[in-house]
Amino acid sequence: MRANTLRRLAGKIAAIVAEMNYAQRRMLELRTTQDRYLLQPDEPPASYAEFLARTAGPLLHEPSARRRARDAAQRASR
């Protein structure tokens, strides 16, 4: 019984660390994006070169709603 409890606790801690790691990477991406430093970031790019400059970095995509629901269900079942 004790080993099972420790295993669940370790899994929850690992999930928390993974979530914090993801949040940290996502915040770094959002803070370093070029759109953040534009005077009017909601405006579309004026040229193709500006478009390419805005999307030059690697983009992290939010997981789909299906994946978020699946992950939430897995966390709830632990």
Protein backbone atom coordinates (compact mmCIF):
# COMPACT_ATOMS: atom_id res chain seq x y z
CA MET A 1 0.00 0.00 0.00
CA ARG A 2 2.79 2.40 0.89
CA ALA A 3 4.64 1.82 -2.41
CA ASN A 4 1.45 2.50 -4.35
CA THR A 5 0.96 5.80 -2.49
CA LEU A 6 4.55 6.83 -3.13
CA ARG A 7 4.20 5.94 -6.81
CA ARG A 8 1.07 8.09 -7.14
CA LEU A 9 2.76 10.96 -5.33
CA ALA A 10 5.80 10.71 -7.62
CA GLY A 11 3.49 10.72 -10.65
CA LYS A 12 1.71 13.84 -9.43
CA ILE A 13 5.01 15.59 -8.77
CA ALA A 14 6.25 14.62 -12.25
CA ALA A 15 3.03 15.97 -13.78
CA ILE A 16 3.43 19.25 -11.90
CA VAL A 17 7.04 19.61 -13.03
CA ALA A 18 6.07 18.82 -16.64
CA GLU A 19 3.29 21.43 -16.51
CA MET A 20 5.66 24.05 -15.11
CA ASN A 21 8.24 23.20 -17.79
CA TYR A 22 5.62 23.63 -20.52
CA ALA A 23 4.43 26.93 -19.04
CA GLN A 24 7.99 28.22 -18.83
CA ARG A 25 8.72 27.33 -22.47
CA ARG A 26 5.43 28.88 -23.59
CA MET A 27 6.07 32.12 -21.68
CA LEU A 28 9.58 32.35 -23.15
CA GLU A 29 8.12 32.01 -26.63
CA LEU A 30 5.44 34.61 -26.00
CA ARG A 31 7.89 37.07 -24.47
CA THR A 32 10.41 36.81 -27.28
CA THR A 33 8.01 36.95 -30.20
CA GLN A 34 8.48 39.93 -32.48
CA ASP A 35 4.78 40.77 -32.45
CA ARG A 36 5.13 41.79 -28.82
CA TYR A 37 7.45 44.67 -29.72
CA LEU A 38 5.43 46.13 -32.58
CA LEU A 39 3.58 49.40 -32.14
CA GLN A 40 0.37 47.88 -33.51
CA PRO A 41 0.69 44.10 -33.12
CA ASP A 42 -2.89 43.42 -34.25
CA GLU A 43 -2.23 44.94 -37.66
CA PRO A 44 -1.30 42.54 -40.46
CA PRO A 45 2.26 42.67 -41.81
CA ALA A 46 2.82 45.42 -44.36
CA SER A 47 5.07 43.28 -46.55
CA TYR A 48 5.98 39.67 -47.18
CA ALA A 49 9.40 40.30 -45.61
CA GLU A 50 7.72 41.52 -42.42
CA PHE A 51 5.51 38.43 -42.43
CA LEU A 52 8.57 36.19 -42.69
CA ALA A 53 10.33 38.10 -39.92
CA ARG A 54 7.37 37.66 -37.57
CA THR A 55 7.19 33.90 -38.12
CA ALA A 56 10.92 33.19 -38.27
CA GLY A 57 11.22 31.50 -34.88
CA PRO A 58 10.05 28.05 -33.89
CA LEU A 59 6.39 28.09 -32.93
CA LEU A 60 5.02 26.06 -30.07
CA HIS A 61 1.41 25.17 -30.63
CA GLU A 62 -1.16 24.81 -27.93
CA PRO A 63 -2.43 21.23 -27.70
CA SER A 64 -5.79 20.53 -29.26
CA ALA A 65 -8.93 20.54 -27.14
CA ARG A 66 -9.14 16.77 -27.51
CA ARG A 67 -5.61 16.31 -26.18
CA ARG A 68 -6.17 18.76 -23.30
CA ALA A 69 -9.36 16.89 -22.32
CA ARG A 70 -7.56 13.54 -22.50
CA ASP A 71 -4.67 14.84 -20.38
CA ALA A 72 -7.08 16.34 -17.83
CA ALA A 73 -8.95 13.04 -17.59
CA GLN A 74 -5.69 11.19 -17.03
CA ARG A 75 -4.64 13.61 -14.30
CA ALA A 76 -8.03 13.28 -12.61
CA SER A 77 -7.84 9.49 -12.60
CA ARG A 78 -4.52 9.48 -10.72
